[in-house]
Protein backbone atom coordinates (compact mmCIF):
# COMPACT_ATOMS: atom_id res chain seq x y z
CA UNK A 1 -27.88 -268.58 111.49
CA UNK A 2 -28.03 -264.91 110.59
CA UNK A 3 -30.59 -263.09 108.51
CA UNK A 4 -29.07 -260.60 106.09
CA UNK A 5 -30.95 -257.82 104.33
CA UNK A 6 -29.18 -256.75 101.15
CA UNK A 7 -30.04 -253.37 99.66
CA UNK A 8 -29.29 -252.00 96.20
CA UNK A 9 -30.00 -248.30 96.79
CA UNK A 10 -31.88 -246.02 94.43
CA UNK A 11 -34.83 -243.67 94.42
CA UNK A 12 -36.83 -245.02 91.46
CA UNK A 13 -36.06 -248.64 92.40
CA UNK A 14 -34.59 -249.95 95.66
CA UNK A 15 -33.69 -253.61 95.32
CA UNK A 16 -33.88 -255.78 98.41
CA UNK A 17 -33.01 -259.37 99.21
CA UNK A 18 -33.38 -261.26 102.47
CA UNK A 19 -31.20 -264.33 103.06
CA UNK A 20 -30.56 -266.67 105.94
CA UNK A 21 -26.94 -267.82 106.20
CA UNK A 22 -25.51 -270.52 108.45
CA UNK A 23 -21.85 -270.02 107.56
CA UNK A 24 -22.00 -272.57 104.75
CA UNK A 25 -25.23 -272.18 102.84
CA UNK A 26 -27.56 -269.34 101.92
CA UNK A 27 -31.33 -269.70 102.00
CA UNK A 28 -33.34 -267.07 100.10
CA UNK A 29 -36.27 -265.78 102.14
CA UNK A 30 -37.62 -262.96 99.96
CA UNK A 31 -36.51 -260.48 97.32
CA UNK A 32 -38.03 -257.72 95.28
CA UNK A 33 -38.03 -253.99 94.82
CA UNK A 34 -39.46 -250.85 96.33
CA UNK A 35 -40.48 -248.53 93.51
CA UNK A 36 -41.49 -244.89 93.27
CA UNK A 37 -43.04 -243.05 90.34
CA UNK A 38 -41.01 -240.45 88.45
CA UNK A 39 -43.75 -237.79 88.63
CA UNK A 40 -43.99 -237.95 92.42
CA UNK A 41 -42.40 -235.05 94.36
CA UNK A 42 -39.02 -236.15 95.71
CA UNK A 43 -39.87 -235.82 99.44
CA UNK A 44 -42.87 -238.09 98.86
CA UNK A 45 -40.63 -240.60 97.09
CA UNK A 46 -38.28 -240.62 100.10
CA UNK A 47 -41.24 -241.14 102.41
CA UNK A 48 -42.52 -244.04 100.30
CA UNK A 49 -39.07 -245.67 100.35
CA UNK A 50 -38.79 -245.20 104.11
CA UNK A 51 -42.27 -246.63 104.72
CA UNK A 52 -41.68 -249.68 102.52
CA UNK A 53 -38.23 -250.37 103.96
CA UNK A 54 -39.67 -250.08 107.48
CA UNK A 55 -42.21 -252.75 106.45
CA UNK A 56 -39.39 -255.00 105.18
CA UNK A 57 -37.50 -254.63 108.48
CA UNK A 58 -40.63 -255.32 110.53
CA UNK A 59 -41.68 -258.32 108.44
CA UNK A 60 -38.33 -260.09 107.98
CA UNK A 61 -36.44 -258.94 111.11
CA UNK A 62 -32.90 -259.05 109.68
CA UNK A 63 -29.91 -259.30 112.01
CA UNK A 64 -27.81 -257.05 109.77
CA UNK A 65 -28.01 -255.01 106.59
CA UNK A 66 -25.56 -254.89 103.69
CA UNK A 67 -25.80 -252.01 101.23
CA UNK A 68 -23.88 -250.92 98.18
CA UNK A 69 -21.44 -248.10 98.81
CA UNK A 70 -22.12 -245.19 96.52
CA UNK A 71 -19.61 -244.07 93.99
CA UNK A 72 -19.96 -240.77 92.18
CA UNK A 73 -20.22 -240.64 88.43
CA UNK A 74 -20.66 -237.63 86.19
CA UNK A 75 -24.29 -236.93 87.16
CA UNK A 76 -24.08 -235.26 90.59
CA UNK A 77 -27.83 -234.63 90.91
CA UNK A 78 -28.57 -238.32 90.49
CA UNK A 79 -25.82 -239.20 92.98
CA UNK A 80 -27.21 -236.78 95.56
CA UNK A 81 -30.75 -238.10 95.11
CA UNK A 82 -29.57 -241.71 95.44
CA UNK A 83 -27.58 -240.73 98.53
CA UNK A 84 -30.71 -239.26 100.11
CA UNK A 85 -32.73 -242.38 99.33
CA UNK A 86 -29.91 -244.51 100.68
CA UNK A 87 -29.95 -242.41 103.84
CA UNK A 88 -33.58 -243.19 104.64
CA UNK A 89 -32.80 -246.89 104.19
CA UNK A 90 -29.81 -246.68 106.55
CA UNK A 91 -32.01 -244.73 109.00
CA UNK A 92 -34.41 -247.69 109.16
CA UNK A 93 -31.54 -249.94 110.24
CA UNK A 94 -30.18 -247.37 112.71
CA UNK A 95 -33.59 -247.00 114.37
CA UNK A 96 -33.42 -250.72 115.18
CA UNK A 97 -29.71 -250.81 116.13
CA UNK A 98 -29.08 -253.15 113.21
CA UNK A 99 -25.47 -253.11 112.00
CA UNK A 100 -24.95 -251.80 108.47
CA UNK A 101 -22.04 -252.88 106.25
CA UNK A 102 -21.13 -251.23 102.96
CA UNK A 103 -19.60 -252.90 99.92
CA UNK A 104 -18.31 -251.51 96.66
CA UNK A 105 -19.43 -253.07 93.38
CA UNK A 106 -15.88 -254.46 93.00
CA UNK A 107 -16.11 -256.17 96.40
CA UNK A 108 -19.50 -257.69 95.52
CA UNK A 109 -18.22 -259.02 92.18
CA UNK A 110 -15.09 -260.42 93.81
CA UNK A 111 -17.10 -262.15 96.53
CA UNK A 112 -19.85 -263.59 94.32
CA UNK A 113 -17.94 -264.41 91.12
CA UNK A 114 -14.32 -264.45 92.29
CA UNK A 115 -13.35 -261.70 89.85
CA UNK A 116 -13.71 -258.00 90.62
CA UNK A 117 -14.25 -257.01 87.01
CA UNK A 118 -16.94 -259.59 86.28
CA UNK A 119 -19.79 -258.67 83.95
CA UNK A 120 -23.21 -257.99 85.44
CA UNK A 121 -24.61 -261.11 83.73
CA UNK A 122 -21.94 -263.25 85.44
CA UNK A 123 -22.83 -261.83 88.86
CA UNK A 124 -26.52 -262.44 88.28
CA UNK A 125 -25.97 -266.02 87.14
CA UNK A 126 -23.69 -266.80 90.10
CA UNK A 127 -26.24 -265.26 92.47
CA UNK A 128 -28.89 -267.55 90.99
CA UNK A 129 -26.60 -270.55 91.30
CA UNK A 130 -25.45 -269.84 94.87
CA UNK A 131 -29.06 -269.46 96.00
CA UNK A 132 -30.28 -272.52 94.07
CA UNK A 133 -32.92 -270.52 92.21
CA UNK A 134 -34.46 -271.72 88.95
CA UNK A 135 -34.18 -268.27 87.35
CA UNK A 136 -32.20 -265.08 87.81
CA UNK A 137 -34.16 -262.89 90.24
CA UNK A 138 -36.10 -259.99 88.75
CA UNK A 139 -35.90 -257.07 88.69
CA UNK A 140 -32.13 -256.67 88.27
CA UNK A 141 -32.07 -254.48 91.38
CA UNK A 142 -33.33 -257.41 93.48
CA UNK A 143 -30.61 -259.67 92.03
CA UNK A 144 -28.05 -256.98 92.88
CA UNK A 145 -29.39 -256.76 96.46
CA UNK A 146 -29.10 -260.54 96.84
CA UNK A 147 -25.51 -260.39 95.55
CA UNK A 148 -24.74 -257.70 98.15
CA UNK A 149 -26.22 -259.93 100.88
CA UNK A 150 -24.12 -262.88 99.65
CA UNK A 151 -21.03 -260.66 99.72
CA UNK A 152 -21.78 -259.78 103.33
CA UNK A 153 -22.21 -263.43 104.26
CA UNK A 154 -18.90 -264.31 102.66
CA UNK A 155 -17.02 -261.49 104.39
CA UNK A 156 -18.68 -261.36 107.81
CA UNK A 157 -16.81 -262.34 110.93
CA UNK A 158 -20.00 -263.63 112.57
CA UNK A 159 -19.34 -266.44 115.05
CA UNK A 160 -22.02 -269.05 114.34
CA UNK A 161 -21.08 -271.13 117.39
CA UNK A 162 -22.30 -268.34 119.66
CA UNK A 163 -25.10 -267.07 117.45
CA UNK A 164 -27.58 -266.72 120.28
CA UNK A 165 -25.40 -264.25 122.14
CA UNK A 166 -25.28 -262.07 119.01
CA UNK A 167 -28.97 -262.21 118.20
CA UNK A 168 -28.61 -264.80 115.47
CA UNK A 169 -31.19 -267.46 114.66
CA UNK A 170 -31.12 -271.13 115.52
């Protein structure tokens, strides 16, 4: 069994989802969002994200982290700010020697829905279904983080027969 932390990066909202995966079935452990207020100076926002993500790592002790790979759109300032926020999240994993895997939105959609151009609603509904949840997780960023974690589970080359030698869970 491995514990996967999925992260949907941002600086106003960082979605997170923690799943256990045994190679066949996912078990949701926790999901939610780290939020920062718009009026807060940006360095303080980064610090708040770092502090909260550190808490998530300490509390849930994931074996690996999966995060959405950034793609640049027309707003470069937003992209740079998201990249900085993403960096403090990756730093939390690096400080613990936890492997980090990156996935594009297309890869996540392909893995969760089976179609790389799926609509967001389809991804959210399939995430709910795969995890056996009664409702689609809220906020949307948490649902996205869970989908990223599912994508990692589906694509990982983790050997469950020798999980103990790789730090996995029984």
